Amino acid sequence: MSESNCPKCEYEYPYPDGNMLVCPDCQHQWDPTATPEIPEIKDANGNVLATGDTVTVIKDLKIKGSSQSVKVGTKVKNIRLVHDSGDGHDIACKIEGFGAMNLKSEFVKKV
């Protein structure tokens, strides 16, 4: 998708209308110079998380397809925040003994 494609339907030929662009296909209007707002990701206590933080798991987490689970108190270092994953998992990380996985921020607290 290029910068000038419609962000709603990805139509290739929007037309300018003042400072805005308008999609002739779906009639969506947007400002091409506006930067999209990225929502803050917060832990279970309401602390704002950032890429590179260390967090602790606050609940036993079952792992799909495995008989193991991530136990309460497991420390996860150097997290990476993921926006718009679609499934609610907004932290990508590596957990020792488990490997790479995604976590939901509601089940961790910042150290």
PDB file of N, CA and C in Angstrom:
ATOM      1  N   MET A   1       0.852  -1.171   0.000  1.00  0.00           N
ATOM      2  CA  MET A   1       0.000   0.000   0.000  1.00  0.00           C
ATOM      3  C   MET A   1       0.899   1.236   0.000  1.00  0.00           C
ATOM      4  N   SER A   2       0.670   2.129  -0.922  1.00  0.00           N
ATOM      5  CA  SER A   2       1.493   3.340  -0.986  1.00  0.00           C
ATOM      6  C   SER A   2       0.889   4.410  -0.081  1.00  0.00           C
ATOM      7  N   GLU A   3       1.605   5.508   0.079  1.00  0.00           N
ATOM      8  CA  GLU A   3       1.164   6.616   0.918  1.00  0.00           C
ATOM      9  C   GLU A   3      -0.151   7.212   0.445  1.00  0.00           C
ATOM     10  N   SER A   4      -0.414   7.174  -0.865  1.00  0.00           N
ATOM     11  CA  SER A   4      -1.607   7.832  -1.381  1.00  0.00           C
ATOM     12  C   SER A   4      -2.805   6.891  -1.511  1.00  0.00           C
ATOM     13  N   ASN A   5      -2.649   5.623  -1.201  1.00  0.00           N
ATOM     14  CA  ASN A   5      -3.795   4.713  -1.240  1.00  0.00           C
ATOM     15  C   ASN A   5      -4.744   5.025  -0.087  1.00  0.00           C
ATOM     16  N   CYS A   6      -6.013   4.737  -0.297  1.00  0.00           N
ATOM     17  CA  CYS A   6      -7.013   4.938   0.747  1.00  0.00           C
ATOM     18  C   CYS A   6      -6.707   4.000   1.922  1.00  0.00           C
ATOM     19  N   PRO A   7      -6.614   4.524   3.152  1.00  0.00           N
ATOM     20  CA  PRO A   7      -6.331   3.661   4.299  1.00  0.00           C
ATOM     21  C   PRO A   7      -7.503   2.751   4.671  1.00  0.00           C
ATOM     22  N   LYS A   8      -8.682   3.045   4.161  1.00  0.00           N
ATOM     23  CA  LYS A   8      -9.855   2.241   4.501  1.00  0.00           C
ATOM     24  C   LYS A   8     -10.066   1.087   3.518  1.00  0.00           C
ATOM     25  N   CYS A   9     -10.030   1.390   2.216  1.00  0.00           N
ATOM     26  CA  CYS A   9     -10.313   0.349   1.213  1.00  0.00           C
ATOM     27  C   CYS A   9      -9.132   0.075   0.288  1.00  0.00           C
ATOM     28  N   GLU A  10      -8.036   0.822   0.450  1.00  0.00           N
ATOM     29  CA  GLU A  10      -6.805   0.678  -0.330  1.00  0.00           C
ATOM     30  C   GLU A  10      -6.962   1.029  -1.810  1.00  0.00           C
ATOM     31  N   TYR A  11      -7.990   1.821  -2.140  1.00  0.00           N
ATOM     32  CA  TYR A  11      -8.172   2.271  -3.513  1.00  0.00           C
ATOM     33  C   TYR A  11      -6.976   3.124  -3.914  1.00  0.00           C
ATOM     34  N   GLU A  12      -6.519   2.959  -5.149  1.00  0.00           N
ATOM     35  CA  GLU A  12      -5.257   3.559  -5.581  1.00  0.00           C
ATOM     36  C   GLU A  12      -5.324   5.021  -6.015  1.00  0.00           C
ATOM     37  N   TYR A  13      -6.491   5.559  -6.313  1.00  0.00           N
ATOM     38  CA  TYR A  13      -6.551   6.881  -6.921  1.00  0.00           C
ATOM     39  C   TYR A  13      -7.431   7.863  -6.150  1.00  0.00           C
ATOM     40  N   PRO A  14      -7.005   8.280  -4.945  1.00  0.00           N
ATOM     41  CA  PRO A  14      -7.775   9.313  -4.243  1.00  0.00           C
ATOM     42  C   PRO A  14      -7.524  10.674  -4.888  1.00  0.00           C
ATOM     43  N   TYR A  15      -8.423  11.597  -4.640  1.00  0.00           N
ATOM     44  CA  TYR A  15      -8.239  12.942  -5.193  1.00  0.00           C
ATOM     45  C   TYR A  15      -8.110  13.948  -4.052  1.00  0.00           C
ATOM     46  N   PRO A  16      -7.349  15.037  -4.291  1.00  0.00           N
ATOM     47  CA  PRO A  16      -7.178  16.054  -3.243  1.00  0.00           C
ATOM     48  C   PRO A  16      -8.415  16.935  -3.124  1.00  0.00           C
ATOM     49  N   ASP A  17      -8.704  17.344  -1.899  1.00  0.00           N
ATOM     50  CA  ASP A  17      -9.784  18.284  -1.606  1.00  0.00           C
ATOM     51  C   ASP A  17      -9.261  19.195  -0.502  1.00  0.00           C
ATOM     52  N   GLY A  18      -8.615  20.288  -0.896  1.00  0.00           N
ATOM     53  CA  GLY A  18      -7.953  21.156   0.080  1.00  0.00           C
ATOM     54  C   GLY A  18      -6.729  20.434   0.631  1.00  0.00           C
ATOM     55  N   ASN A  19      -6.649  20.323   1.948  1.00  0.00           N
ATOM     56  CA  ASN A  19      -5.546  19.612   2.595  1.00  0.00           C
ATOM     57  C   ASN A  19      -5.819  18.126   2.756  1.00  0.00           C
ATOM     58  N   MET A  20      -7.009  17.698   2.416  1.00  0.00           N
ATOM     59  CA  MET A  20      -7.422  16.311   2.611  1.00  0.00           C
ATOM     60  C   MET A  20      -7.356  15.535   1.304  1.00  0.00           C
ATOM     61  N   LEU A  21      -7.324  14.207   1.438  1.00  0.00           N
ATOM     62  CA  LEU A  21      -7.488  13.322   0.289  1.00  0.00           C
ATOM     63  C   LEU A  21      -8.827  12.622   0.446  1.00  0.00           C
ATOM     64  N   VAL A  22      -9.509  12.383  -0.676  1.00  0.00           N
ATOM     65  CA  VAL A  22     -10.822  11.749  -0.667  1.00  0.00           C
ATOM     66  C   VAL A  22     -10.778  10.544  -1.578  1.00  0.00           C
ATOM     67  N   CYS A  23     -11.322   9.437  -1.103  1.00  0.00           N
ATOM     68  CA  CYS A  23     -11.392   8.218  -1.913  1.00  0.00           C
ATOM     69  C   CYS A  23     -12.691   8.242  -2.713  1.00  0.00           C
ATOM     70  N   PRO A  24     -12.623   8.178  -4.042  1.00  0.00           N
ATOM     71  CA  PRO A  24     -13.847   8.195  -4.836  1.00  0.00           C
ATOM     72  C   PRO A  24     -14.629   6.884  -4.722  1.00  0.00           C
ATOM     73  N   ASP A  25     -13.978   5.833  -4.243  1.00  0.00           N
ATOM     74  CA  ASP A  25     -14.638   4.533  -4.154  1.00  0.00           C
ATOM     75  C   ASP A  25     -15.498   4.411  -2.884  1.00  0.00           C
ATOM     76  N   CYS A  26     -14.914   4.756  -1.709  1.00  0.00           N
ATOM     77  CA  CYS A  26     -15.648   4.585  -0.444  1.00  0.00           C
ATOM     78  C   CYS A  26     -15.976   5.911   0.249  1.00  0.00           C
ATOM     79  N   GLN A  27     -15.555   7.045  -0.324  1.00  0.00           N
ATOM     80  CA  GLN A  27     -15.806   8.394   0.192  1.00  0.00           C
ATOM     81  C   GLN A  27     -15.092   8.689   1.509  1.00  0.00           C
ATOM     82  N   HIS A  28     -14.102   7.894   1.877  1.00  0.00           N
ATOM     83  CA  HIS A  28     -13.321   8.144   3.090  1.00  0.00           C
ATOM     84  C   HIS A  28     -12.426   9.364   2.867  1.00  0.00           C
ATOM     85  N   GLN A  29     -12.319  10.236   3.884  1.00  0.00           N
ATOM     86  CA  GLN A  29     -11.464  11.424   3.808  1.00  0.00           C
ATOM     87  C   GLN A  29     -10.390  11.314   4.878  1.00  0.00           C
ATOM     88  N   TRP A  30      -9.156  11.712   4.552  1.00  0.00           N
ATOM     89  CA  TRP A  30      -8.067  11.681   5.517  1.00  0.00           C
ATOM     90  C   TRP A  30      -7.031  12.734   5.191  1.00  0.00           C
ATOM     91  N   ASP A  31      -6.262  13.075   6.208  1.00  0.00           N
ATOM     92  CA  ASP A  31      -5.180  14.045   6.081  1.00  0.00           C
ATOM     93  C   ASP A  31      -3.883  13.266   5.880  1.00  0.00           C
ATOM     94  N   PRO A  32      -3.275  13.356   4.698  1.00  0.00           N
ATOM     95  CA  PRO A  32      -2.074  12.561   4.437  1.00  0.00           C
ATOM     96  C   PRO A  32      -0.858  13.004   5.249  1.00  0.00           C
ATOM     97  N   THR A  33      -0.894  14.206   5.831  1.00  0.00           N
ATOM     98  CA  THR A  33       0.241  14.684   6.619  1.00  0.00           C
ATOM     99  C   THR A  33       0.108  14.341   8.096  1.00  0.00           C
ATOM    100  N   ALA A  34      -1.063  13.863   8.521  1.00  0.00           N
ATOM    101  CA  ALA A  34      -1.278  13.537   9.930  1.00  0.00           C
ATOM    102  C   ALA A  34      -0.557  12.240  10.284  1.00  0.00           C
ATOM    103  N   THR A  35       0.035  12.223  11.456  1.00  0.00           N
ATOM    104  CA  THR A  35       0.678  10.998  11.932  1.00  0.00           C
ATOM    105  C   THR A  35      -0.335  10.214  12.741  1.00  0.00           C
ATOM    106  N   PRO A  36      -0.435   8.917  12.513  1.00  0.00           N
ATOM    107  CA  PRO A  36      -1.418   8.118  13.240  1.00  0.00           C
ATOM    108  C   PRO A  36      -1.030   8.019  14.719  1.00  0.00           C
ATOM    109  N   GLU A  37      -2.022   8.105  15.591  1.00  0.00           N
ATOM    110  CA  GLU A  37      -1.759   8.001  17.023  1.00  0.00           C
ATOM    111  C   GLU A  37      -1.586   6.534  17.400  1.00  0.00           C
ATOM    112  N   ILE A  38      -0.511   6.264  18.106  1.00  0.00           N
ATOM    113  CA  ILE A  38      -0.259   4.910  18.573  1.00  0.00           C
ATOM    114  C   ILE A  38      -0.680   4.855  20.036  1.00  0.00           C
ATOM    115  N   PRO A  39      -1.630   3.987  20.360  1.00  0.00           N
ATOM    116  CA  PRO A  39      -2.114   3.942  21.740  1.00  0.00           C
ATOM    117  C   PRO A  39      -1.041   3.411  22.691  1.00  0.00           C
ATOM    118  N   GLU A  40      -1.071   3.887  23.925  1.00  0.00           N
ATOM    119  CA  GLU A  40      -0.147   3.394  24.938  1.00  0.00           C
ATOM    120  C   GLU A  40      -0.552   1.992  25.355  1.00  0.00           C
ATOM    121  N   ILE A  41       0.432   1.171  25.650  1.00  0.00           N
ATOM    122  CA  ILE A  41       0.174  -0.168  26.155  1.00  0.00           C
ATOM    123  C   ILE A  41       0.542  -0.159  27.629  1.00  0.00           C
ATOM    124  N   LYS A  42      -0.414  -0.580  28.473  1.00  0.00           N
ATOM    125  CA  LYS A  42      -0.216  -0.538  29.917  1.00  0.00           C
ATOM    126  C   LYS A  42      -0.251  -1.942  30.499  1.00  0.00           C
ATOM    127  N   ASP A  43       0.474  -2.124  31.614  1.00  0.00           N
ATOM    128  CA  ASP A  43       0.485  -3.410  32.296  1.00  0.00           C
ATOM    129  C   ASP A  43      -0.761  -3.540  33.171  1.00  0.00           C
ATOM    130  N   ALA A  44      -0.824  -4.600  33.959  1.00  0.00           N
ATOM    131  CA  ALA A  44      -1.987  -4.870  34.794  1.00  0.00           C
ATOM    132  C   ALA A  44      -2.207  -3.792  35.856  1.00  0.00           C
ATOM    133  N   ASN A  45      -1.144  -3.085  36.248  1.00  0.00           N
ATOM    134  CA  ASN A  45      -1.260  -2.032  37.264  1.00  0.00           C
ATOM    135  C   ASN A  45      -1.449  -0.641  36.666  1.00  0.00           C
ATOM    136  N   GLY A  46      -1.484  -0.537  35.349  1.00  0.00           N
ATOM    137  CA  GLY A  46      -1.688   0.757  34.700  1.00  0.00           C
ATOM    138  C   GLY A  46      -0.406   1.493  34.353  1.00  0.00           C
ATOM    139  N   ASN A  47       0.753   0.860  34.548  1.00  0.00           N
ATOM    140  CA  ASN A  47       2.028   1.476  34.180  1.00  0.00           C
ATOM    141  C   ASN A  47       2.227   1.370  32.675  1.00  0.00           C
ATOM    142  N   VAL A  48       2.713   2.433  32.053  1.00  0.00           N
ATOM    143  CA  VAL A  48       2.946   2.443  30.612  1.00  0.00           C
ATOM    144  C   VAL A  48       4.182   1.608  30.297  1.00  0.00           C
ATOM    145  N   LEU A  49       4.047   0.691  29.350  1.00  0.00           N
ATOM    146  CA  LEU A  49       5.156  -0.175  28.938  1.00  0.00           C
ATOM    147  C   LEU A  49       5.866   0.415  27.732  1.00  0.00           C
ATOM    148  N   ALA A  50       7.151   0.075  27.591  1.00  0.00           N
ATOM    149  CA  ALA A  50       7.951   0.511  26.445  1.00  0.00           C
ATOM    150  C   ALA A  50       8.788  -0.669  25.963  1.00  0.00           C
ATOM    151  N   THR A  51       9.168  -0.629  24.706  1.00  0.00           N
ATOM    152  CA  THR A  51      10.035  -1.657  24.159  1.00  0.00           C
ATOM    153  C   THR A  51      11.337  -1.668  24.952  1.00  0.00           C
ATOM    154  N   GLY A  52      11.788  -2.880  25.322  1.00  0.00           N
ATOM    155  CA  GLY A  52      13.018  -3.033  26.083  1.00  0.00           C
ATOM    156  C   GLY A  52      12.791  -3.191  27.578  1.00  0.00           C
ATOM    157  N   ASP A  53      11.558  -2.992  28.052  1.00  0.00           N
ATOM    158  CA  ASP A  53      11.263  -3.134  29.482  1.00  0.00           C
ATOM    159  C   ASP A  53      11.367  -4.583  29.930  1.00  0.00           C
ATOM    160  N   THR A  54      11.458  -4.765  31.238  1.00  0.00           N
ATOM    161  CA  THR A  54      11.401  -6.084  31.854  1.00  0.00           C
ATOM    162  C   THR A  54      10.079  -6.165  32.608  1.00  0.00           C
ATOM    163  N   VAL A  55       9.370  -7.285  32.440  1.00  0.00           N
ATOM    164  CA  VAL A  55       8.079  -7.470  33.092  1.00  0.00           C
ATOM    165  C   VAL A  55       8.063  -8.817  33.809  1.00  0.00           C
ATOM    166  N   THR A  56       7.098  -8.970  34.716  1.00  0.00           N
ATOM    167  CA  THR A  56       6.894 -10.210  35.441  1.00  0.00           C
ATOM    168  C   THR A  56       5.480 -10.701  35.170  1.00  0.00           C
ATOM    169  N   VAL A  57       5.332 -12.000  34.947  1.00  0.00           N
ATOM    170  CA  VAL A  57       4.023 -12.606  34.699  1.00  0.00           C
ATOM    171  C   VAL A  57       3.275 -12.686  36.024  1.00  0.00           C
ATOM    172  N   ILE A  58       1.992 -12.280  36.056  1.00  0.00           N
ATOM    173  CA  ILE A  58       1.213 -12.235  37.291  1.00  0.00           C
ATOM    174  C   ILE A  58       0.182 -13.352  37.402  1.00  0.00           C
ATOM    175  N   LYS A  59       0.140 -14.248  36.410  1.00  0.00           N
ATOM    176  CA  LYS A  59      -0.842 -15.322  36.406  1.00  0.00           C
ATOM    177  C   LYS A  59      -0.250 -16.501  35.651  1.00  0.00           C
ATOM    178  N   ASP A  60      -0.536 -17.729  36.073  1.00  0.00           N
ATOM    179  CA  ASP A  60      -0.100 -18.894  35.303  1.00  0.00           C
ATOM    180  C   ASP A  60      -0.746 -18.826  33.924  1.00  0.00           C
ATOM    181  N   LEU A  61       0.070 -18.934  32.883  1.00  0.00           N
ATOM    182  CA  LEU A  61      -0.432 -18.830  31.510  1.00  0.00           C
ATOM    183  C   LEU A  61      -0.242 -20.153  30.792  1.00  0.00           C
ATOM    184  N   LYS A  62      -1.342 -20.763  30.394  1.00  0.00           N
ATOM    185  CA  LYS A  62      -1.274 -22.009  29.627  1.00  0.00           C
ATOM    186  C   LYS A  62      -0.801 -21.692  28.219  1.00  0.00           C
ATOM    187  N   ILE A  63       0.007 -22.583  27.661  1.00  0.00           N
ATOM    188  CA  ILE A  63       0.523 -22.399  26.314  1.00  0.00           C
ATOM    189  C   ILE A  63      -0.222 -23.344  25.386  1.00  0.00           C
ATOM    190  N   LYS A  64      -0.816 -22.774  24.351  1.00  0.00           N
ATOM    191  CA  LYS A  64      -1.567 -23.574  23.386  1.00  0.00           C
ATOM    192  C   LYS A  64      -0.674 -24.628  22.758  1.00  0.00           C
ATOM    193  N   GLY A  65      -1.146 -25.858  22.703  1.00  0.00           N
ATOM    194  CA  GLY A  65      -0.407 -26.930  22.058  1.00  0.00           C
ATOM    195  C   GLY A  65       0.698 -27.518  22.910  1.00  0.00           C
ATOM    196  N   SER A  66       0.728 -27.172  24.190  1.00  0.00           N
ATOM    197  CA  SER A  66       1.776 -27.670  25.077  1.00  0.00           C
ATOM    198  C   SER A  66       1.163 -28.011  26.431  1.00  0.00           C
ATOM    199  N   SER A  67       1.790 -28.932  27.139  1.00  0.00           N
ATOM    200  CA  SER A  67       1.320 -29.274  28.477  1.00  0.00           C
ATOM    201  C   SER A  67       1.964 -28.374  29.526  1.00  0.00           C
ATOM    202  N   GLN A  68       2.928 -27.551  29.112  1.00  0.00           N
ATOM    203  CA  GLN A  68       3.615 -26.644  30.024  1.00  0.00           C
ATOM    204  C   GLN A  68       2.838 -25.339  30.158  1.00  0.00           C
ATOM    205  N   SER A  69       3.172 -24.589  31.200  1.00  0.00           N
ATOM    206  CA  SER A  69       2.603 -23.253  31.351  1.00  0.00           C
ATOM    207  C   SER A  69       3.674 -22.323  31.903  1.00  0.00           C
ATOM    208  N   VAL A  70       3.516 -21.041  31.605  1.00  0.00           N
ATOM    209  CA  VAL A  70       4.409 -20.020  32.135  1.00  0.00           C
ATOM    210  C   VAL A  70       3.906 -19.708  33.539  1.00  0.00           C
ATOM    211  N   LYS A  71       4.746 -19.864  34.530  1.00  0.00           N
ATOM    212  CA  LYS A  71       4.346 -19.737  35.933  1.00  0.00           C
ATOM    213  C   LYS A  71       4.348 -18.282  36.406  1.00  0.00           C
ATOM    214  N   VAL A  72       3.575 -18.023  37.450  1.00  0.00           N
ATOM    215  CA  VAL A  72       3.536 -16.718  38.093  1.00  0.00           C
ATOM    216  C   VAL A  72       4.946 -16.352  38.545  1.00  0.00           C
ATOM    217  N   GLY A  73       5.345 -15.104  38.353  1.00  0.00           N
ATOM    218  CA  GLY A  73       6.646 -14.640  38.793  1.00  0.00           C
ATOM    219  C   GLY A  73       7.749 -14.790  37.764  1.00  0.00           C
ATOM    220  N   THR A  74       7.437 -15.387  36.599  1.00  0.00           N
ATOM    221  CA  THR A  74       8.439 -15.520  35.543  1.00  0.00           C
ATOM    222  C   THR A  74       8.822 -14.139  35.042  1.00  0.00           C
ATOM    223  N   LYS A  75      10.123 -13.864  35.039  1.00  0.00           N
ATOM    224  CA  LYS A  75      10.619 -12.564  34.594  1.00  0.00           C
ATOM    225  C   LYS A  75      10.900 -12.636  33.096  1.00  0.00           C
ATOM    226  N   VAL A  76      10.402 -11.655  32.372  1.00  0.00           N
ATOM    227  CA  VAL A  76      10.591 -11.580  30.922  1.00  0.00           C
ATOM    228  C   VAL A  76      11.352 -10.298  30.622  1.00  0.00           C
ATOM    229  N   LYS A  77      12.551 -10.443  30.052  1.00  0.00           N
ATOM    230  CA  LYS A  77      13.407  -9.288  29.774  1.00  0.00           C
ATOM    231  C   LYS A  77      13.293  -8.863  28.324  1.00  0.00           C
ATOM    232  N   ASN A  78      13.547  -7.586  28.090  1.00  0.00           N
ATOM    233  CA  ASN A  78      13.654  -7.025  26.745  1.00  0.00           C
ATOM    234  C   ASN A  78      12.428  -7.312  25.881  1.00  0.00           C
ATOM    235  N   ILE A  79      11.261  -6.876  26.347  1.00  0.00           N
ATOM    236  CA  ILE A  79      10.024  -7.089  25.588  1.00  0.00           C
ATOM    237  C   ILE A  79       9.993  -6.170  24.371  1.00  0.00           C
ATOM    238  N   ARG A  80       9.162  -6.527  23.402  1.00  0.00           N
ATOM    239  CA  ARG A  80       8.932  -5.695  22.224  1.00  0.00           C
ATOM    240  C   ARG A  80       7.434  -5.498  22.098  1.00  0.00           C
ATOM    241  N   LEU A  81       7.002  -4.232  21.998  1.00  0.00           N
ATOM    242  CA  LEU A  81       5.574  -3.943  21.892  1.00  0.00           C
ATOM    243  C   LEU A  81       5.102  -4.134  20.462  1.00  0.00           C
ATOM    244  N   VAL A  82       3.918  -4.737  20.337  1.00  0.00           N
ATOM    245  CA  VAL A  82       3.318  -5.004  19.030  1.00  0.00           C
ATOM    246  C   VAL A  82       1.950  -4.344  19.017  1.00  0.00           C
ATOM    247  N   HIS A  83       1.740  -3.418  18.076  1.00  0.00           N
ATOM    248  CA  HIS A  83       0.456  -2.727  17.969  1.00  0.00           C
ATOM    249  C   HIS A  83      -0.381  -3.380  16.868  1.00  0.00           C
ATOM    250  N   ASP A  84      -1.663  -3.447  17.089  1.00  0.00           N
ATOM    251  CA  ASP A  84      -2.617  -3.975  16.098  1.00  0.00           C
ATOM    252  C   ASP A  84      -2.321  -5.408  15.687  1.00  0.00           C
ATOM    253  N   SER A  85      -2.089  -6.276  16.662  1.00  0.00           N
ATOM    254  CA  SER A  85      -1.859  -7.681  16.337  1.00  0.00           C
ATOM    255  C   SER A  85      -3.167  -8.372  15.972  1.00  0.00           C
ATOM    256  N   GLY A  86      -4.284  -7.815  16.400  1.00  0.00           N
ATOM    257  CA  GLY A  86      -5.580  -8.361  16.042  1.00  0.00           C
ATOM    258  C   GLY A  86      -6.104  -9.404  17.013  1.00  0.00           C
ATOM    259  N   ASP A  87      -5.225 -10.015  17.799  1.00  0.00           N
ATOM    260  CA  ASP A  87      -5.677 -11.056  18.719  1.00  0.00           C
ATOM    261  C   ASP A  87      -5.507 -10.661  20.184  1.00  0.00           C
ATOM    262  N   GLY A  88      -5.139  -9.417  20.438  1.00  0.00           N
ATOM    263  CA  GLY A  88      -5.004  -8.934  21.803  1.00  0.00           C
ATOM    264  C   GLY A  88      -3.635  -9.120  22.417  1.00  0.00           C
ATOM    265  N   HIS A  89      -2.766  -9.879  21.772  1.00  0.00           N
ATOM    266  CA  HIS A  89      -1.410 -10.071  22.271  1.00  0.00           C
ATOM    267  C   HIS A  89      -0.570  -8.886  21.813  1.00  0.00           C
ATOM    268  N   ASP A  90      -0.131  -8.065  22.772  1.00  0.00           N
ATOM    269  CA  ASP A  90       0.569  -6.845  22.397  1.00  0.00           C
ATOM    270  C   ASP A  90       2.021  -6.800  22.860  1.00  0.00           C
ATOM    271  N   ILE A  91       2.547  -7.927  23.352  1.00  0.00           N
ATOM    272  CA  ILE A  91       3.949  -8.026  23.744  1.00  0.00           C
ATOM    273  C   ILE A  91       4.566  -9.232  23.053  1.00  0.00           C
ATOM    274  N   ALA A  92       5.662  -8.996  22.334  1.00  0.00           N
ATOM    275  CA  ALA A  92       6.442 -10.095  21.742  1.00  0.00           C
ATOM    276  C   ALA A  92       7.695 -10.237  22.590  1.00  0.00           C
ATOM    277  N   CYS A  93       8.060 -11.480  22.921  1.00  0.00           N
ATOM    278  CA  CYS A  93       9.209 -11.684  23.807  1.00  0.00           C
ATOM    279  C   CYS A  93       9.764 -13.096  23.638  1.00  0.00           C
ATOM    280  N   LYS A  94      10.883 -13.326  24.292  1.00  0.00           N
ATOM    281  CA  LYS A  94      11.457 -14.664  24.397  1.00  0.00           C
ATOM    282  C   LYS A  94      11.499 -15.016  25.870  1.00  0.00           C
ATOM    283  N   ILE A  95      10.940 -16.162  26.214  1.00  0.00           N
ATOM    284  CA  ILE A  95      10.933 -16.615  27.595  1.00  0.00           C
ATOM    285  C   ILE A  95      11.841 -17.832  27.690  1.00  0.00           C
ATOM    286  N   GLU A  96      12.785 -17.756  28.625  1.00  0.00           N
ATOM    287  CA  GLU A  96      13.741 -18.836  28.790  1.00  0.00           C
ATOM    288  C   GLU A  96      13.011 -20.148  29.080  1.00  0.00           C
ATOM    289  N   GLY A  97      13.350 -21.176  28.325  1.00  0.00           N
ATOM    290  CA  GLY A  97      12.708 -22.473  28.481  1.00  0.00           C
ATOM    291  C   GLY A  97      11.492 -22.661  27.589  1.00  0.00           C
ATOM    292  N   PHE A  98      10.981 -21.582  26.992  1.00  0.00           N
ATOM    293  CA  PHE A  98       9.802 -21.657  26.138  1.00  0.00           C
ATOM    294  C   PHE A  98      10.079 -21.147  24.733  1.00  0.00           C
ATOM    295  N   GLY A  99      10.950 -20.156  24.595  1.00  0.00           N
ATOM    296  CA  GLY A  99      11.243 -19.566  23.294  1.00  0.00           C
ATOM    297  C   GLY A  99      10.409 -18.334  23.033  1.00  0.00           C
ATOM    298  N   ALA A 100      10.279 -18.000  21.755  1.00  0.00           N
ATOM    299  CA  ALA A 100       9.556 -16.795  21.353  1.00  0.00           C
ATOM    300  C   ALA A 100       8.057 -16.995  21.507  1.00  0.00           C
ATOM    301  N   MET A 101       7.385 -15.978  22.039  1.00  0.00           N
ATOM    302  CA  MET A 101       5.927 -16.029  22.169  1.00  0.00           C
ATOM    303  C   MET A 101       5.372 -14.619  22.338  1.00  0.00           C
ATOM    304  N   ASN A 102       4.066 -14.534  22.276  1.00  0.00           N
ATOM    305  CA  ASN A 102       3.366 -13.264  22.466  1.00  0.00           C
ATOM    306  C   ASN A 102       2.562 -13.339  23.755  1.00  0.00           C
ATOM    307  N   LEU A 103       2.502 -12.216  24.470  1.00  0.00           N
ATOM    308  CA  LEU A 103       1.755 -12.128  25.716  1.00  0.00           C
ATOM    309  C   LEU A 103       0.768 -10.972  25.653  1.00  0.00           C
ATOM    310  N   LYS A 104      -0.254 -11.036  26.497  1.00  0.00           N
ATOM    311  CA  LYS A 104      -1.169  -9.923  26.646  1.00  0.00           C
ATOM    312  C   LYS A 104      -0.681  -9.074  27.817  1.00  0.00           C
ATOM    313  N   SER A 105      -0.708  -7.771  27.639  1.00  0.00           N
ATOM    314  CA  SER A 105      -0.188  -6.861  28.663  1.00  0.00           C
ATOM    315  C   SER A 105      -0.990  -6.924  29.961  1.00  0.00           C
ATOM    316  N   GLU A 106      -2.207  -7.393  29.924  1.00  0.00           N
ATOM    317  CA  GLU A 106      -3.015  -7.471  31.129  1.00  0.00           C
ATOM    318  C   GLU A 106      -2.552  -8.549  32.100  1.00  0.00           C
ATOM    319  N   PHE A 107      -1.638  -9.416  31.657  1.00  0.00           N
ATOM    320  CA  PHE A 107      -1.135 -10.499  32.504  1.00  0.00           C
ATOM    321  C   PHE A 107       0.299 -10.292  32.952  1.00  0.00           C
ATOM    322  N   VAL A 108       0.824  -9.079  32.815  1.00  0.00           N
ATOM    323  CA  VAL A 108       2.183  -8.785  33.255  1.00  0.00           C
ATOM    324  C   VAL A 108       2.209  -7.497  34.060  1.00  0.00           C
ATOM    325  N   LYS A 109       3.269  -7.345  34.861  1.00  0.00           N
ATOM    326  CA  LYS A 109       3.494  -6.080  35.553  1.00  0.00           C
ATOM    327  C   LYS A 109       4.939  -5.663  35.311  1.00  0.00           C
ATOM    328  N   LYS A 110       5.140  -4.373  35.219  1.00  0.00           N
ATOM    329  CA  LYS A 110       6.464  -3.804  34.952  1.00  0.00           C
ATOM    330  C   LYS A 110       7.333  -3.956  36.197  1.00  0.00           C
ATOM    331  N   VAL A 111       8.601  -4.312  35.980  1.00  0.00           N
ATOM    332  CA  VAL A 111       9.544  -4.467  37.095  1.00  0.00           C
ATOM    333  C   VAL A 111      10.205  -3.160  37.376  1.00  0.00           C
TER     334      VAL A 111
END
